[in-house]
Amino acid sequence: MFFILVFALGLIFGSFANVLIWRLPQGKNLGGRSICPRCKKKILWFDNLPLLSFFLLQGRCRECKEKISLRYPMVELLTGLVFVLLYLKFGLSYKFIFFGLTSILLISIFVIDLTNQIIPDELVFFGIILSVLFNLSFVNLFSGFLAALFLLIIHFVTSGRGMGLGDVKFAVFGGMVVGLNHVFYWLVLAFLTGAIVGCILILGRKAKLKSKIAFGPFLVLALFLVIFF
């Protein structure tokens, strides 16, 4: 029963992550009721139940019958599963709370950067504040700025083509999360997964050598790998 409650909590926070993913890139206010992007009708509360409403509505808006993006249930389901895995690893502890809140930001950053190729400053700054509140230490601050400095050097050397400033700012947050002992592994994993996916896209003719590929999702994926393993 407790696992179900943790999963349900993750679904709720996943629904909130969808709000961040949809509104932040457009500069919209986070307050107010959700609306259908097509017909602009306000979504009723019983049509906004995480994961459940998508299946009850058969993946369509009640009013205009427009298809609801699969992204919504996928983000909610992923967040729910991450919460369960965090509980299995850390139990009901401050680490569970910290990494649970962090995972909401990470999943939001992953999707936003993947679809819009931007990392909202609001998410990064909130993540830094969260890290300070839960895990403030000089070592962690140093770890964050060390990671950011490394990516900043790449940014300047490549004149911004190899690394965006959004990634640099995100590195402060990510470095504080993993700490000095794991920051090297985090960055290596991020570049390794990025290189593998990049090669697959090039071989599959989905991208070219000069194609711009968002690096934020690989930083996020590597962070989760370090957190869990």
C-alpha atoms as a PDB file:
ATOM      1  CA  MET A   1       0.000   0.000   0.000  1.00  0.00           C
ATOM      2  CA  PHE A   2       2.836   2.404   0.829  1.00  0.00           C
ATOM      3  CA  PHE A   3       4.476   1.764  -2.556  1.00  0.00           C
ATOM      4  CA  ILE A   4       1.162   2.669  -4.209  1.00  0.00           C
ATOM      5  CA  LEU A   5       1.061   5.918  -2.214  1.00  0.00           C
ATOM      6  CA  VAL A   6       4.635   6.776  -3.231  1.00  0.00           C
ATOM      7  CA  PHE A   7       3.798   6.004  -6.868  1.00  0.00           C
ATOM      8  CA  ALA A   8       0.645   8.167  -6.657  1.00  0.00           C
ATOM      9  CA  LEU A   9       2.708  11.008  -5.166  1.00  0.00           C
ATOM     10  CA  GLY A  10       5.111  10.694  -8.093  1.00  0.00           C
ATOM     11  CA  LEU A  11       2.194  10.849 -10.546  1.00  0.00           C
ATOM     12  CA  ILE A  12       0.982  14.091  -8.941  1.00  0.00           C
ATOM     13  CA  PHE A  13       4.425  15.673  -9.143  1.00  0.00           C
ATOM     14  CA  GLY A  14       4.712  14.361 -12.702  1.00  0.00           C
ATOM     15  CA  SER A  15       1.542  16.279 -13.528  1.00  0.00           C
ATOM     16  CA  PHE A  16       3.184  19.402 -12.089  1.00  0.00           C
ATOM     17  CA  ALA A  17       6.284  18.687 -14.214  1.00  0.00           C
ATOM     18  CA  ASN A  18       4.012  18.733 -17.282  1.00  0.00           C
ATOM     19  CA  VAL A  19       2.861  22.220 -16.275  1.00  0.00           C
ATOM     20  CA  LEU A  20       6.500  23.350 -16.097  1.00  0.00           C
ATOM     21  CA  ILE A  21       7.309  21.697 -19.426  1.00  0.00           C
ATOM     22  CA  TRP A  22       4.390  23.356 -21.219  1.00  0.00           C
ATOM     23  CA  ARG A  23       4.390  26.834 -19.675  1.00  0.00           C
ATOM     24  CA  LEU A  24       8.013  27.805 -18.944  1.00  0.00           C
ATOM     25  CA  PRO A  25       9.280  27.766 -22.578  1.00  0.00           C
ATOM     26  CA  GLN A  26       6.353  30.024 -23.509  1.00  0.00           C
ATOM     27  CA  GLY A  27       6.922  32.393 -20.602  1.00  0.00           C
ATOM     28  CA  LYS A  28       3.460  31.684 -19.220  1.00  0.00           C
ATOM     29  CA  ASN A  29       2.369  32.063 -15.597  1.00  0.00           C
ATOM     30  CA  LEU A  30       2.482  28.806 -13.640  1.00  0.00           C
ATOM     31  CA  GLY A  31      -0.743  29.651 -11.826  1.00  0.00           C
ATOM     32  CA  GLY A  32      -4.273  29.124 -13.112  1.00  0.00           C
ATOM     33  CA  ARG A  33      -6.193  26.220 -14.558  1.00  0.00           C
ATOM     34  CA  SER A  34      -4.880  24.079 -17.403  1.00  0.00           C
ATOM     35  CA  ILE A  35      -6.465  24.578 -20.826  1.00  0.00           C
ATOM     36  CA  CYS A  36      -6.593  22.604 -24.056  1.00  0.00           C
ATOM     37  CA  PRO A  37      -3.962  24.030 -26.459  1.00  0.00           C
ATOM     38  CA  ARG A  38      -6.437  23.783 -29.365  1.00  0.00           C
ATOM     39  CA  CYS A  39      -9.903  24.814 -28.148  1.00  0.00           C
ATOM     40  CA  LYS A  40      -8.641  26.853 -25.138  1.00  0.00           C
ATOM     41  CA  LYS A  41     -11.332  25.348 -22.899  1.00  0.00           C
ATOM     42  CA  LYS A  42     -10.424  24.964 -19.236  1.00  0.00           C
ATOM     43  CA  ILE A  43      -9.757  21.347 -18.296  1.00  0.00           C
ATOM     44  CA  LEU A  44     -12.127  20.118 -15.590  1.00  0.00           C
ATOM     45  CA  TRP A  45     -10.554  18.699 -12.438  1.00  0.00           C
ATOM     46  CA  PHE A  46     -11.799  15.161 -13.133  1.00  0.00           C
ATOM     47  CA  ASP A  47     -10.231  15.337 -16.596  1.00  0.00           C
ATOM     48  CA  ASN A  48      -6.906  16.319 -15.067  1.00  0.00           C
ATOM     49  CA  LEU A  49      -6.239  13.284 -12.882  1.00  0.00           C
ATOM     50  CA  PRO A  50      -2.641  12.132 -13.428  1.00  0.00           C
ATOM     51  CA  LEU A  51      -2.408   9.197 -15.840  1.00  0.00           C
ATOM     52  CA  LEU A  52      -5.980   8.016 -15.141  1.00  0.00           C
ATOM     53  CA  SER A  53      -7.765  10.789 -17.065  1.00  0.00           C
ATOM     54  CA  PHE A  54      -5.709  10.123 -20.206  1.00  0.00           C
ATOM     55  CA  PHE A  55      -7.098   6.581 -20.429  1.00  0.00           C
ATOM     56  CA  LEU A  56     -10.645   7.549 -19.398  1.00  0.00           C
ATOM     57  CA  LEU A  57     -10.690  10.196 -22.154  1.00  0.00           C
ATOM     58  CA  GLN A  58      -9.059   7.733 -24.594  1.00  0.00           C
ATOM     59  CA  GLY A  59      -6.263  10.245 -25.198  1.00  0.00           C
ATOM     60  CA  ARG A  60      -8.515  13.045 -26.490  1.00  0.00           C
ATOM     61  CA  CYS A  61      -9.821  16.396 -25.239  1.00  0.00           C
ATOM     62  CA  ARG A  62     -13.404  16.095 -23.960  1.00  0.00           C
ATOM     63  CA  GLU A  63     -14.484  19.263 -25.800  1.00  0.00           C
ATOM     64  CA  CYS A  64     -12.748  19.345 -29.209  1.00  0.00           C
ATOM     65  CA  LYS A  65     -11.560  15.695 -29.410  1.00  0.00           C
ATOM     66  CA  GLU A  66      -8.009  16.844 -30.177  1.00  0.00           C
ATOM     67  CA  LYS A  67      -5.435  14.140 -29.406  1.00  0.00           C
ATOM     68  CA  ILE A  68      -3.615  14.604 -26.108  1.00  0.00           C
ATOM     69  CA  SER A  69       0.145  14.276 -26.479  1.00  0.00           C
ATOM     70  CA  LEU A  70       1.590  11.013 -25.175  1.00  0.00           C
ATOM     71  CA  ARG A  71       4.167  13.142 -23.426  1.00  0.00           C
ATOM     72  CA  TYR A  72       1.736  13.883 -20.593  1.00  0.00           C
ATOM     73  CA  PRO A  73       1.105  10.314 -19.392  1.00  0.00           C
ATOM     74  CA  MET A  74       4.721   9.335 -20.113  1.00  0.00           C
ATOM     75  CA  VAL A  75       6.114  12.134 -17.901  1.00  0.00           C
ATOM     76  CA  GLU A  76       3.652  11.277 -15.133  1.00  0.00           C
ATOM     77  CA  LEU A  77       4.429   7.559 -15.328  1.00  0.00           C
ATOM     78  CA  LEU A  78       8.193   8.180 -15.402  1.00  0.00           C
ATOM     79  CA  THR A  79       8.029  10.466 -12.366  1.00  0.00           C
ATOM     80  CA  GLY A  80       5.941   7.898 -10.485  1.00  0.00           C
ATOM     81  CA  LEU A  81       8.450   5.143 -11.238  1.00  0.00           C
ATOM     82  CA  VAL A  82      11.388   7.366 -10.251  1.00  0.00           C
ATOM     83  CA  PHE A  83       9.720   8.095  -6.897  1.00  0.00           C
ATOM     84  CA  VAL A  84       9.295   4.368  -6.245  1.00  0.00           C
ATOM     85  CA  LEU A  85      12.931   3.671  -7.152  1.00  0.00           C
ATOM     86  CA  LEU A  86      14.095   6.508  -4.902  1.00  0.00           C
ATOM     87  CA  TYR A  87      12.063   5.086  -2.028  1.00  0.00           C
ATOM     88  CA  LEU A  88      13.573   1.643  -2.612  1.00  0.00           C
ATOM     89  CA  LYS A  89      17.079   3.126  -2.495  1.00  0.00           C
ATOM     90  CA  PHE A  90      16.799   5.747   0.247  1.00  0.00           C
ATOM     91  CA  GLY A  91      13.679   4.830   2.209  1.00  0.00           C
ATOM     92  CA  LEU A  92      11.616   7.601   3.786  1.00  0.00           C
ATOM     93  CA  SER A  93      14.508   9.980   4.451  1.00  0.00           C
ATOM     94  CA  TYR A  94      15.669  13.490   3.666  1.00  0.00           C
ATOM     95  CA  LYS A  95      17.555  12.040   0.671  1.00  0.00           C
ATOM     96  CA  PHE A  96      14.271  10.683  -0.692  1.00  0.00           C
ATOM     97  CA  ILE A  97      12.716  14.143  -0.354  1.00  0.00           C
ATOM     98  CA  PHE A  98      15.729  15.918  -1.880  1.00  0.00           C
ATOM     99  CA  PHE A  99      16.150  13.585  -4.847  1.00  0.00           C
ATOM    100  CA  GLY A 100      12.375  13.404  -5.323  1.00  0.00           C
ATOM    101  CA  LEU A 101      12.120  17.182  -5.699  1.00  0.00           C
ATOM    102  CA  THR A 102      15.304  17.180  -7.787  1.00  0.00           C
ATOM    103  CA  SER A 103      13.870  14.541 -10.130  1.00  0.00           C
ATOM    104  CA  ILE A 104      10.905  16.809 -10.955  1.00  0.00           C
ATOM    105  CA  LEU A 105      13.341  19.488 -12.113  1.00  0.00           C
ATOM    106  CA  LEU A 106      15.529  17.010 -13.984  1.00  0.00           C
ATOM    107  CA  ILE A 107      12.646  15.414 -15.890  1.00  0.00           C
ATOM    108  CA  SER A 108      11.303  18.871 -16.791  1.00  0.00           C
ATOM    109  CA  ILE A 109      14.737  20.003 -18.008  1.00  0.00           C
ATOM    110  CA  PHE A 110      15.139  16.784 -20.021  1.00  0.00           C
ATOM    111  CA  VAL A 111      11.901  17.267 -21.967  1.00  0.00           C
ATOM    112  CA  ILE A 112      12.182  21.052 -22.386  1.00  0.00           C
ATOM    113  CA  ASP A 113      15.738  20.907 -23.703  1.00  0.00           C
ATOM    114  CA  LEU A 114      14.911  17.945 -25.936  1.00  0.00           C
ATOM    115  CA  THR A 115      11.932  19.700 -27.537  1.00  0.00           C
ATOM    116  CA  ASN A 116      12.949  23.388 -27.345  1.00  0.00           C
ATOM    117  CA  GLN A 117      16.742  23.247 -26.926  1.00  0.00           C
ATOM    118  CA  ILE A 118      16.641  25.576 -23.923  1.00  0.00           C
ATOM    119  CA  ILE A 119      17.142  25.059 -20.201  1.00  0.00           C
ATOM    120  CA  PRO A 120      14.971  27.537 -18.249  1.00  0.00           C
ATOM    121  CA  ASP A 121      16.931  29.549 -15.689  1.00  0.00           C
ATOM    122  CA  GLU A 122      14.039  29.200 -13.236  1.00  0.00           C
ATOM    123  CA  LEU A 123      14.535  25.430 -12.992  1.00  0.00           C
ATOM    124  CA  VAL A 124      18.309  25.726 -12.612  1.00  0.00           C
ATOM    125  CA  PHE A 125      18.130  28.425  -9.942  1.00  0.00           C
ATOM    126  CA  PHE A 126      15.466  26.550  -7.993  1.00  0.00           C
ATOM    127  CA  GLY A 127      17.642  23.437  -8.181  1.00  0.00           C
ATOM    128  CA  ILE A 128      20.625  25.345  -6.797  1.00  0.00           C
ATOM    129  CA  ILE A 129      18.497  26.715  -3.938  1.00  0.00           C
ATOM    130  CA  LEU A 130      17.212  23.203  -3.252  1.00  0.00           C
ATOM    131  CA  SER A 131      20.770  21.862  -3.138  1.00  0.00           C
ATOM    132  CA  VAL A 132      21.831  24.633  -0.761  1.00  0.00           C
ATOM    133  CA  LEU A 133      18.917  23.951   1.591  1.00  0.00           C
ATOM    134  CA  PHE A 134      19.430  20.182   1.705  1.00  0.00           C
ATOM    135  CA  ASN A 135      23.142  19.765   1.196  1.00  0.00           C
ATOM    136  CA  LEU A 136      25.047  23.006   1.748  1.00  0.00           C
ATOM    137  CA  SER A 137      28.806  22.540   1.944  1.00  0.00           C
ATOM    138  CA  PHE A 138      31.862  24.202   0.454  1.00  0.00           C
ATOM    139  CA  VAL A 139      32.805  20.924  -1.247  1.00  0.00           C
ATOM    140  CA  ASN A 140      29.458  20.687  -3.066  1.00  0.00           C
ATOM    141  CA  LEU A 141      29.591  24.338  -4.090  1.00  0.00           C
ATOM    142  CA  PHE A 142      33.103  23.785  -5.423  1.00  0.00           C
ATOM    143  CA  SER A 143      31.898  20.686  -7.281  1.00  0.00           C
ATOM    144  CA  GLY A 144      29.149  22.687  -8.989  1.00  0.00           C
ATOM    145  CA  PHE A 145      31.407  25.512 -10.072  1.00  0.00           C
ATOM    146  CA  LEU A 146      34.112  23.075 -11.191  1.00  0.00           C
ATOM    147  CA  ALA A 147      31.651  21.303 -13.497  1.00  0.00           C
ATOM    148  CA  ALA A 148      30.388  24.647 -14.808  1.00  0.00           C
ATOM    149  CA  LEU A 149      33.933  25.891 -15.421  1.00  0.00           C
ATOM    150  CA  PHE A 150      34.733  22.798 -17.487  1.00  0.00           C
ATOM    151  CA  LEU A 151      31.677  23.276 -19.707  1.00  0.00           C
ATOM    152  CA  LEU A 152      32.305  27.029 -19.892  1.00  0.00           C
ATOM    153  CA  ILE A 153      35.783  26.378 -21.305  1.00  0.00           C
ATOM    154  CA  ILE A 154      34.232  24.144 -23.970  1.00  0.00           C
ATOM    155  CA  HIS A 155      31.702  26.909 -24.701  1.00  0.00           C
ATOM    156  CA  PHE A 156      34.440  29.504 -25.297  1.00  0.00           C
ATOM    157  CA  VAL A 157      36.782  27.169 -27.199  1.00  0.00           C
ATOM    158  CA  THR A 158      33.996  26.184 -29.604  1.00  0.00           C
ATOM    159  CA  SER A 159      32.532  29.730 -29.762  1.00  0.00           C
ATOM    160  CA  GLY A 160      29.269  28.422 -28.328  1.00  0.00           C
ATOM    161  CA  ARG A 161      28.792  25.709 -30.952  1.00  0.00           C
ATOM    162  CA  GLY A 162      29.892  22.818 -28.723  1.00  0.00           C
ATOM    163  CA  MET A 163      28.146  23.848 -25.515  1.00  0.00           C
ATOM    164  CA  GLY A 164      25.389  26.306 -24.647  1.00  0.00           C
ATOM    165  CA  LEU A 165      25.368  28.617 -21.653  1.00  0.00           C
ATOM    166  CA  GLY A 166      22.221  26.863 -20.441  1.00  0.00           C
ATOM    167  CA  ASP A 167      24.270  23.686 -20.051  1.00  0.00           C
ATOM    168  CA  VAL A 168      26.956  25.651 -18.199  1.00  0.00           C
ATOM    169  CA  LYS A 169      24.445  27.024 -15.678  1.00  0.00           C
ATOM    170  CA  PHE A 170      22.828  23.607 -15.304  1.00  0.00           C
ATOM    171  CA  ALA A 171      26.271  22.164 -14.490  1.00  0.00           C
ATOM    172  CA  VAL A 172      26.357  24.241 -11.277  1.00  0.00           C
ATOM    173  CA  PHE A 173      23.146  22.560 -10.143  1.00  0.00           C
ATOM    174  CA  GLY A 174      24.195  19.098 -11.314  1.00  0.00           C
ATOM    175  CA  GLY A 175      27.646  19.323  -9.772  1.00  0.00           C
ATOM    176  CA  MET A 176      26.126  20.268  -6.416  1.00  0.00           C
ATOM    177  CA  VAL A 177      23.778  17.289  -6.602  1.00  0.00           C
ATOM    178  CA  VAL A 178      26.437  14.636  -7.295  1.00  0.00           C
ATOM    179  CA  GLY A 179      29.217  16.143  -5.167  1.00  0.00           C
ATOM    180  CA  LEU A 180      32.952  16.321  -5.734  1.00  0.00           C
ATOM    181  CA  ASN A 181      33.489  12.541  -5.478  1.00  0.00           C
ATOM    182  CA  HIS A 182      31.173  11.845  -8.412  1.00  0.00           C
ATOM    183  CA  VAL A 183      31.320  14.948 -10.606  1.00  0.00           C
ATOM    184  CA  PHE A 184      33.961  13.408 -12.883  1.00  0.00           C
ATOM    185  CA  TYR A 185      31.871  10.256 -13.420  1.00  0.00           C
ATOM    186  CA  TRP A 186      28.798  12.392 -14.110  1.00  0.00           C
ATOM    187  CA  LEU A 187      30.473  14.429 -16.859  1.00  0.00           C
ATOM    188  CA  VAL A 188      32.122  11.367 -18.430  1.00  0.00           C
ATOM    189  CA  LEU A 189      28.769   9.538 -18.509  1.00  0.00           C
ATOM    190  CA  ALA A 190      27.071  12.584 -20.050  1.00  0.00           C
ATOM    191  CA  PHE A 191      29.636  12.893 -22.851  1.00  0.00           C
ATOM    192  CA  LEU A 192      29.697   9.124 -23.378  1.00  0.00           C
ATOM    193  CA  THR A 193      25.910   8.772 -23.708  1.00  0.00           C
ATOM    194  CA  GLY A 194      25.838  11.888 -25.901  1.00  0.00           C
ATOM    195  CA  ALA A 195      28.514  10.453 -28.192  1.00  0.00           C
ATOM    196  CA  ILE A 196      26.727   7.095 -28.464  1.00  0.00           C
ATOM    197  CA  VAL A 197      23.363   8.655 -29.302  1.00  0.00           C
ATOM    198  CA  GLY A 198      25.021  11.120 -31.694  1.00  0.00           C
ATOM    199  CA  CYS A 199      26.728   8.265 -33.570  1.00  0.00           C
ATOM    200  CA  ILE A 200      23.455   6.346 -33.787  1.00  0.00           C
ATOM    201  CA  LEU A 201      21.648   9.402 -35.189  1.00  0.00           C
ATOM    202  CA  ILE A 202      24.404  10.039 -37.741  1.00  0.00           C
ATOM    203  CA  LEU A 203      24.547   6.386 -38.833  1.00  0.00           C
ATOM    204  CA  GLY A 204      20.761   6.345 -39.076  1.00  0.00           C
ATOM    205  CA  ARG A 205      20.926   9.560 -41.137  1.00  0.00           C
ATOM    206  CA  LYS A 206      18.775  11.384 -38.590  1.00  0.00           C
ATOM    207  CA  ALA A 207      21.520  13.950 -38.009  1.00  0.00           C
ATOM    208  CA  LYS A 208      24.750  15.246 -39.553  1.00  0.00           C
ATOM    209  CA  LEU A 209      28.144  15.953 -38.017  1.00  0.00           C
ATOM    210  CA  LYS A 210      27.282  19.661 -37.747  1.00  0.00           C
ATOM    211  CA  SER A 211      23.732  19.098 -36.490  1.00  0.00           C
ATOM    212  CA  LYS A 212      22.839  20.794 -33.205  1.00  0.00           C
ATOM    213  CA  ILE A 213      21.886  18.239 -30.542  1.00  0.00           C
ATOM    214  CA  ALA A 214      20.688  19.290 -27.084  1.00  0.00           C
ATOM    215  CA  PHE A 215      23.194  18.238 -24.408  1.00  0.00           C
ATOM    216  CA  GLY A 216      20.887  18.816 -21.423  1.00  0.00           C
ATOM    217  CA  PRO A 217      19.099  15.443 -21.753  1.00  0.00           C
ATOM    218  CA  PHE A 218      22.448  13.623 -21.539  1.00  0.00           C
ATOM    219  CA  LEU A 219      23.431  15.614 -18.453  1.00  0.00           C
ATOM    220  CA  VAL A 220      20.092  14.641 -16.892  1.00  0.00           C
ATOM    221  CA  LEU A 221      20.391  10.968 -17.849  1.00  0.00           C
ATOM    222  CA  ALA A 222      23.922  10.818 -16.448  1.00  0.00           C
ATOM    223  CA  LEU A 223      22.735  12.467 -13.215  1.00  0.00           C
ATOM    224  CA  PHE A 224      20.111   9.776 -12.717  1.00  0.00           C
ATOM    225  CA  LEU A 225      22.711   7.075 -13.383  1.00  0.00           C
ATOM    226  CA  VAL A 226      24.992   8.559 -10.720  1.00  0.00           C
ATOM    227  CA  ILE A 227      22.139   8.989  -8.225  1.00  0.00           C
ATOM    228  CA  PHE A 228      20.958   5.381  -8.548  1.00  0.00           C
ATOM    229  CA  PHE A 229      24.211   3.535  -9.222  1.00  0.00           C
END
